């Protein structure tokens, strides 16, 4: 399967597939006599795994570790669970930060008259250094 077909099958752009290969996230794939990349079913499975991992917000470093653990028959599920727990904690921190941002914006929004007057609580709040 060529890179275009691998892209369609996995949902990852050809540019991103090349990047994953370049940074060592994806093992170097076989090439045809004319130099085109040839992707096996295992390669496609890896790409789908990486896409799903990326969709869940894992970093490239974490995805590399997860892929290694996935392929390692001697892995311990505790290692996978630990990595996932750390990621969940990071996501929860980001959610808390986003909620603080929403609360701040909502407060400014609620205090803005939104009329023909030039005074605007939103602009006033944005202009205050915290």
N, C-alpha and C. Protein backbone atom coordinates (compact mmCIF):
# COMPACT_ATOMS: atom_id res chain seq x y z
N UNK A 1 0.85 -1.16 0.00
CA UNK A 1 0.00 0.00 0.00
C UNK A 1 0.91 1.24 0.00
N UNK A 2 0.61 2.22 -0.86
CA UNK A 2 1.43 3.42 -0.92
C UNK A 2 1.01 4.42 0.16
N UNK A 3 1.73 5.53 0.26
CA UNK A 3 1.49 6.48 1.34
C UNK A 3 0.12 7.13 1.24
N UNK A 4 -0.36 7.38 0.03
CA UNK A 4 -1.70 7.95 -0.14
C UNK A 4 -2.77 7.01 0.36
N UNK A 5 -2.64 5.74 0.05
CA UNK A 5 -3.60 4.75 0.52
C UNK A 5 -3.50 4.59 2.04
N UNK A 6 -2.27 4.61 2.56
CA UNK A 6 -2.07 4.51 4.01
C UNK A 6 -2.70 5.70 4.72
N UNK A 7 -2.60 6.85 4.10
CA UNK A 7 -3.19 8.06 4.66
C UNK A 7 -4.71 7.93 4.74
N UNK A 8 -5.31 7.49 3.66
CA UNK A 8 -6.77 7.33 3.64
C UNK A 8 -7.22 6.28 4.65
N UNK A 9 -6.50 5.20 4.72
CA UNK A 9 -6.87 4.08 5.61
C UNK A 9 -6.73 4.47 7.08
N UNK A 10 -5.69 5.26 7.40
CA UNK A 10 -5.40 5.58 8.79
C UNK A 10 -6.01 6.90 9.25
N UNK A 11 -6.33 7.78 8.31
CA UNK A 11 -6.84 9.08 8.68
C UNK A 11 -5.74 10.06 9.06
N UNK A 12 -4.49 9.75 8.73
CA UNK A 12 -3.36 10.62 9.00
C UNK A 12 -2.83 11.15 7.67
N UNK A 13 -2.57 12.43 7.60
CA UNK A 13 -2.11 13.03 6.34
C UNK A 13 -0.76 12.44 5.94
N UNK A 14 -0.48 12.49 4.65
CA UNK A 14 0.80 11.98 4.16
C UNK A 14 1.95 12.76 4.77
N UNK A 15 1.77 14.06 4.94
CA UNK A 15 2.82 14.90 5.55
C UNK A 15 3.10 14.43 6.98
N UNK A 16 2.05 14.14 7.73
CA UNK A 16 2.22 13.70 9.11
C UNK A 16 2.84 12.30 9.16
N UNK A 17 2.49 11.44 8.23
CA UNK A 17 3.10 10.10 8.18
C UNK A 17 4.60 10.24 7.97
N UNK A 18 4.98 11.09 7.02
CA UNK A 18 6.42 11.31 6.78
C UNK A 18 7.10 11.88 8.01
N UNK A 19 6.42 12.80 8.69
CA UNK A 19 6.98 13.39 9.91
C UNK A 19 7.15 12.34 11.00
N UNK A 20 6.14 11.50 11.19
CA UNK A 20 6.24 10.43 12.19
C UNK A 20 7.42 9.51 11.90
N UNK A 21 7.64 9.25 10.62
CA UNK A 21 8.78 8.41 10.24
C UNK A 21 10.09 9.15 10.51
N UNK A 22 10.12 10.43 10.20
CA UNK A 22 11.32 11.25 10.37
C UNK A 22 11.75 11.33 11.84
N UNK A 23 10.78 11.46 12.76
CA UNK A 23 11.13 11.60 14.18
C UNK A 23 11.26 10.25 14.88
N UNK A 24 11.08 9.17 14.12
CA UNK A 24 11.26 7.85 14.69
C UNK A 24 10.05 7.31 15.42
N UNK A 25 8.93 7.99 15.28
CA UNK A 25 7.70 7.50 15.91
C UNK A 25 7.17 6.29 15.16
N UNK A 26 7.34 6.32 13.87
CA UNK A 26 6.94 5.21 13.01
C UNK A 26 8.22 4.60 12.45
N UNK A 27 8.32 3.30 12.54
CA UNK A 27 9.50 2.63 12.00
C UNK A 27 9.62 2.90 10.51
N UNK A 28 10.84 2.94 10.01
CA UNK A 28 11.06 3.13 8.59
C UNK A 28 10.39 1.99 7.84
N UNK A 29 9.58 2.35 6.88
CA UNK A 29 8.84 1.33 6.12
C UNK A 29 9.66 0.89 4.91
N UNK A 30 9.27 -0.25 4.38
CA UNK A 30 9.93 -0.76 3.18
C UNK A 30 9.65 0.17 2.01
N UNK A 31 10.51 0.10 1.03
CA UNK A 31 10.35 0.92 -0.16
C UNK A 31 10.37 0.04 -1.41
N UNK A 32 9.68 0.50 -2.41
CA UNK A 32 9.67 -0.21 -3.69
C UNK A 32 10.99 0.05 -4.40
N UNK A 33 11.22 -0.64 -5.50
CA UNK A 33 12.45 -0.45 -6.29
C UNK A 33 12.57 0.99 -6.76
N UNK A 34 11.44 1.65 -6.96
CA UNK A 34 11.47 3.04 -7.42
C UNK A 34 11.49 4.04 -6.26
N UNK A 35 11.59 3.54 -5.02
CA UNK A 35 11.76 4.41 -3.86
C UNK A 35 10.49 4.81 -3.14
N UNK A 36 9.34 4.33 -3.59
CA UNK A 36 8.09 4.68 -2.93
C UNK A 36 7.93 3.87 -1.64
N UNK A 37 7.38 4.53 -0.63
CA UNK A 37 7.12 3.83 0.63
C UNK A 37 6.01 2.80 0.42
N UNK A 38 6.20 1.65 1.03
CA UNK A 38 5.20 0.58 0.96
C UNK A 38 4.78 0.23 2.39
N UNK A 39 3.50 0.35 2.67
CA UNK A 39 2.98 0.14 4.02
C UNK A 39 2.26 -1.20 4.12
N UNK A 40 2.61 -1.94 5.16
CA UNK A 40 2.00 -3.24 5.42
C UNK A 40 0.77 -3.04 6.30
N UNK A 41 0.05 -4.12 6.52
CA UNK A 41 -1.10 -4.07 7.43
C UNK A 41 -0.65 -3.67 8.83
N UNK A 42 0.49 -4.17 9.28
CA UNK A 42 1.02 -3.79 10.59
C UNK A 42 1.33 -2.30 10.65
N UNK A 43 1.87 -1.76 9.57
CA UNK A 43 2.15 -0.33 9.52
C UNK A 43 0.85 0.47 9.64
N UNK A 44 -0.17 0.02 8.95
CA UNK A 44 -1.48 0.70 9.00
C UNK A 44 -2.05 0.60 10.41
N UNK A 45 -1.92 -0.55 11.04
CA UNK A 45 -2.38 -0.71 12.42
C UNK A 45 -1.66 0.27 13.34
N UNK A 46 -0.35 0.41 13.15
CA UNK A 46 0.43 1.37 13.94
C UNK A 46 -0.05 2.80 13.70
N UNK A 47 -0.29 3.14 12.44
CA UNK A 47 -0.77 4.47 12.12
C UNK A 47 -2.13 4.75 12.75
N UNK A 48 -3.02 3.78 12.71
CA UNK A 48 -4.34 3.94 13.34
C UNK A 48 -4.20 4.09 14.85
N UNK A 49 -3.31 3.33 15.44
CA UNK A 49 -3.02 3.43 16.87
C UNK A 49 -2.50 4.83 17.20
N UNK A 50 -1.59 5.33 16.38
CA UNK A 50 -1.03 6.67 16.61
C UNK A 50 -2.09 7.75 16.44
N UNK A 51 -2.96 7.60 15.44
CA UNK A 51 -4.02 8.59 15.23
C UNK A 51 -4.94 8.63 16.44
N UNK A 52 -5.33 7.47 16.93
CA UNK A 52 -6.23 7.43 18.08
C UNK A 52 -5.53 8.00 19.31
N UNK A 53 -4.26 7.69 19.49
CA UNK A 53 -3.50 8.23 20.61
C UNK A 53 -3.41 9.75 20.52
N UNK A 54 -3.14 10.24 19.32
CA UNK A 54 -3.07 11.70 19.10
C UNK A 54 -4.42 12.34 19.37
N UNK A 55 -5.49 11.69 18.91
CA UNK A 55 -6.84 12.22 19.14
C UNK A 55 -7.15 12.34 20.63
N UNK A 56 -6.52 11.49 21.43
CA UNK A 56 -6.72 11.53 22.88
C UNK A 56 -5.75 12.48 23.57
N UNK A 57 -4.93 13.17 22.77
CA UNK A 57 -4.08 14.22 23.31
C UNK A 57 -2.71 13.78 23.78
N UNK A 58 -2.32 12.55 23.51
CA UNK A 58 -0.98 12.11 23.91
C UNK A 58 0.06 12.86 23.08
N UNK A 59 1.19 13.17 23.69
CA UNK A 59 2.29 13.83 22.99
C UNK A 59 3.01 12.81 22.10
N UNK A 60 3.86 13.31 21.22
CA UNK A 60 4.65 12.41 20.37
C UNK A 60 5.51 11.48 21.23
N UNK A 61 6.10 12.03 22.27
CA UNK A 61 6.93 11.22 23.16
C UNK A 61 6.09 10.11 23.82
N UNK A 62 4.92 10.47 24.29
CA UNK A 62 4.04 9.48 24.91
C UNK A 62 3.56 8.45 23.90
N UNK A 63 3.26 8.90 22.69
CA UNK A 63 2.81 7.97 21.65
C UNK A 63 3.91 6.97 21.31
N UNK A 64 5.14 7.46 21.28
CA UNK A 64 6.26 6.57 21.00
C UNK A 64 6.38 5.51 22.08
N UNK A 65 6.23 5.93 23.32
CA UNK A 65 6.30 4.99 24.43
C UNK A 65 5.13 4.00 24.41
N UNK A 66 3.94 4.50 24.12
CA UNK A 66 2.77 3.61 24.04
C UNK A 66 2.92 2.59 22.91
N UNK A 67 3.41 3.04 21.78
CA UNK A 67 3.61 2.13 20.65
C UNK A 67 4.66 1.07 21.00
N UNK A 68 5.71 1.50 21.68
CA UNK A 68 6.74 0.55 22.13
C UNK A 68 6.11 -0.48 23.07
N UNK A 69 5.34 0.00 24.02
CA UNK A 69 4.70 -0.91 24.98
C UNK A 69 3.72 -1.85 24.27
N UNK A 70 3.01 -1.32 23.29
CA UNK A 70 2.05 -2.14 22.54
C UNK A 70 2.74 -3.30 21.84
N UNK A 71 3.94 -3.03 21.31
CA UNK A 71 4.66 -4.06 20.55
C UNK A 71 5.50 -4.98 21.43
N UNK A 72 5.68 -4.60 22.68
CA UNK A 72 6.52 -5.36 23.59
C UNK A 72 5.68 -6.41 24.32
N UNK A 73 5.88 -7.66 23.96
CA UNK A 73 5.10 -8.75 24.57
C UNK A 73 5.42 -8.91 26.06
N UNK A 74 6.57 -8.39 26.49
CA UNK A 74 6.96 -8.50 27.90
C UNK A 74 6.57 -7.27 28.72
N UNK A 75 5.73 -6.41 28.15
CA UNK A 75 5.34 -5.19 28.85
C UNK A 75 4.55 -5.53 30.10
N UNK A 76 4.49 -4.57 30.97
CA UNK A 76 3.63 -4.69 32.15
C UNK A 76 2.53 -3.66 32.01
N UNK A 77 1.31 -4.08 32.22
CA UNK A 77 0.20 -3.14 32.06
C UNK A 77 0.32 -1.98 33.04
N UNK A 78 1.04 -2.19 34.14
CA UNK A 78 1.25 -1.11 35.11
C UNK A 78 1.97 0.07 34.45
N UNK A 79 2.88 -0.21 33.51
CA UNK A 79 3.59 0.87 32.82
C UNK A 79 2.63 1.68 31.95
N UNK A 80 1.75 0.98 31.26
CA UNK A 80 0.76 1.64 30.41
C UNK A 80 -0.20 2.46 31.29
N UNK A 81 -0.61 1.86 32.38
CA UNK A 81 -1.55 2.53 33.28
C UNK A 81 -0.92 3.79 33.88
N UNK A 82 0.35 3.72 34.26
CA UNK A 82 1.05 4.87 34.83
C UNK A 82 1.13 6.01 33.82
N UNK A 83 1.51 5.70 32.60
CA UNK A 83 1.59 6.71 31.56
C UNK A 83 0.23 7.34 31.32
N UNK A 84 -0.80 6.52 31.31
CA UNK A 84 -2.16 7.02 31.09
C UNK A 84 -2.62 7.88 32.26
N UNK A 85 -2.30 7.46 33.47
CA UNK A 85 -2.67 8.25 34.65
C UNK A 85 -2.03 9.63 34.61
N UNK A 86 -0.76 9.69 34.23
CA UNK A 86 -0.07 10.97 34.11
C UNK A 86 -0.75 11.85 33.06
N UNK A 87 -1.17 11.24 31.97
CA UNK A 87 -1.84 11.99 30.91
C UNK A 87 -3.20 12.50 31.40
N UNK A 88 -3.92 11.68 32.12
CA UNK A 88 -5.22 12.10 32.67
C UNK A 88 -5.02 13.29 33.61
N UNK A 89 -4.00 13.25 34.44
CA UNK A 89 -3.73 14.36 35.35
C UNK A 89 -3.43 15.64 34.57
N UNK A 90 -2.64 15.52 33.50
CA UNK A 90 -2.33 16.68 32.67
C UNK A 90 -3.61 17.23 32.03
N UNK A 91 -4.45 16.33 31.51
CA UNK A 91 -5.71 16.77 30.90
C UNK A 91 -6.60 17.46 31.92
N UNK A 92 -6.66 16.92 33.14
CA UNK A 92 -7.48 17.54 34.18
C UNK A 92 -6.96 18.93 34.54
N UNK A 93 -5.64 19.11 34.54
CA UNK A 93 -5.06 20.44 34.79
C UNK A 93 -5.45 21.40 33.67
N UNK A 94 -5.40 20.94 32.44
CA UNK A 94 -5.78 21.79 31.31
C UNK A 94 -7.26 22.14 31.38
N UNK A 95 -8.08 21.17 31.77
CA UNK A 95 -9.52 21.43 31.90
C UNK A 95 -9.76 22.50 32.97
N UNK A 96 -9.05 22.40 34.09
CA UNK A 96 -9.20 23.39 35.16
C UNK A 96 -8.79 24.77 34.67
N UNK A 97 -7.69 24.84 33.91
CA UNK A 97 -7.24 26.13 33.37
C UNK A 97 -8.27 26.70 32.40
N UNK A 98 -8.81 25.84 31.55
CA UNK A 98 -9.84 26.29 30.61
C UNK A 98 -11.09 26.75 31.34
N UNK A 99 -11.47 26.06 32.41
CA UNK A 99 -12.65 26.46 33.17
C UNK A 99 -12.43 27.82 33.84
N UNK A 100 -11.20 28.06 34.33
CA UNK A 100 -10.88 29.38 34.89
C UNK A 100 -11.02 30.46 33.82
N UNK A 101 -10.58 30.17 32.62
CA UNK A 101 -10.69 31.12 31.52
C UNK A 101 -12.15 31.40 31.19
N UNK A 102 -12.95 30.35 31.14
CA UNK A 102 -14.39 30.51 30.87
C UNK A 102 -15.03 31.36 31.96
N UNK A 103 -14.70 31.07 33.22
CA UNK A 103 -15.29 31.82 34.33
C UNK A 103 -14.92 33.30 34.25
N UNK A 104 -13.67 33.58 33.95
CA UNK A 104 -13.21 34.97 33.83
C UNK A 104 -13.93 35.68 32.69
N UNK A 105 -13.98 35.03 31.54
CA UNK A 105 -14.67 35.63 30.40
C UNK A 105 -16.17 35.78 30.65
N UNK A 106 -16.75 34.81 31.31
CA UNK A 106 -18.19 34.88 31.60
C UNK A 106 -18.47 36.05 32.53
N UNK A 107 -17.60 36.26 33.51
CA UNK A 107 -17.77 37.38 34.44
C UNK A 107 -17.70 38.71 33.69
N UNK A 108 -16.71 38.84 32.81
CA UNK A 108 -16.59 40.06 32.01
C UNK A 108 -17.81 40.24 31.11
N UNK A 109 -18.21 39.16 30.49
CA UNK A 109 -19.37 39.18 29.59
C UNK A 109 -20.63 39.62 30.35
N UNK A 110 -20.81 39.07 31.54
CA UNK A 110 -22.00 39.40 32.34
C UNK A 110 -22.03 40.86 32.76
N UNK A 111 -20.85 41.49 32.88
CA UNK A 111 -20.79 42.88 33.33
C UNK A 111 -20.71 43.88 32.17
N UNK A 112 -20.72 43.39 30.97
CA UNK A 112 -20.71 44.27 29.79
C UNK A 112 -22.16 44.57 29.41
N UNK A 113 -22.48 45.86 29.30
CA UNK A 113 -23.85 46.25 28.97
C UNK A 113 -24.23 45.81 27.56
N UNK A 114 -23.27 45.81 26.67
CA UNK A 114 -23.56 45.39 25.30
C UNK A 114 -24.52 46.34 24.60
N UNK A 115 -24.43 47.61 24.93
CA UNK A 115 -25.32 48.60 24.32
C UNK A 115 -24.52 49.58 23.46
N UNK A 116 -25.08 50.75 23.21
CA UNK A 116 -24.43 51.75 22.36
C UNK A 116 -23.35 52.54 23.10
N UNK A 117 -23.22 52.33 24.39
CA UNK A 117 -22.23 53.02 25.21
C UNK A 117 -20.84 52.48 24.90
N UNK A 118 -19.83 53.34 24.97
CA UNK A 118 -18.46 52.93 24.66
C UNK A 118 -17.82 52.13 25.79
N UNK A 119 -18.32 52.28 27.01
CA UNK A 119 -17.77 51.53 28.15
C UNK A 119 -18.03 50.04 27.97
N UNK A 120 -16.98 49.25 28.21
CA UNK A 120 -17.13 47.80 28.03
C UNK A 120 -16.31 47.07 29.08
N UNK A 121 -16.97 46.32 29.93
CA UNK A 121 -16.29 45.57 31.00
C UNK A 121 -15.34 44.53 30.43
N UNK A 122 -15.64 44.01 29.28
CA UNK A 122 -14.78 42.99 28.67
C UNK A 122 -13.42 43.61 28.34
N UNK A 123 -13.46 44.76 27.66
CA UNK A 123 -12.20 45.44 27.30
C UNK A 123 -11.47 45.92 28.55
N UNK A 124 -12.21 46.41 29.54
CA UNK A 124 -11.58 46.85 30.79
C UNK A 124 -10.86 45.68 31.47
N UNK A 125 -11.53 44.55 31.55
CA UNK A 125 -10.92 43.38 32.20
C UNK A 125 -9.72 42.86 31.43
N UNK A 126 -9.80 42.88 30.11
CA UNK A 126 -8.68 42.42 29.30
C UNK A 126 -7.46 43.33 29.46
N UNK A 127 -7.73 44.62 29.77
CA UNK A 127 -6.64 45.58 29.93
C UNK A 127 -5.97 45.55 31.28
N UNK A 128 -6.51 44.79 32.20
CA UNK A 128 -5.93 44.70 33.55
C UNK A 128 -4.91 43.56 33.63
N UNK A 129 -3.70 43.92 34.02
CA UNK A 129 -2.66 42.91 34.21
C UNK A 129 -2.95 42.16 35.50
N UNK A 130 -2.79 40.87 35.47
CA UNK A 130 -3.06 40.06 36.67
C UNK A 130 -1.79 39.47 37.18
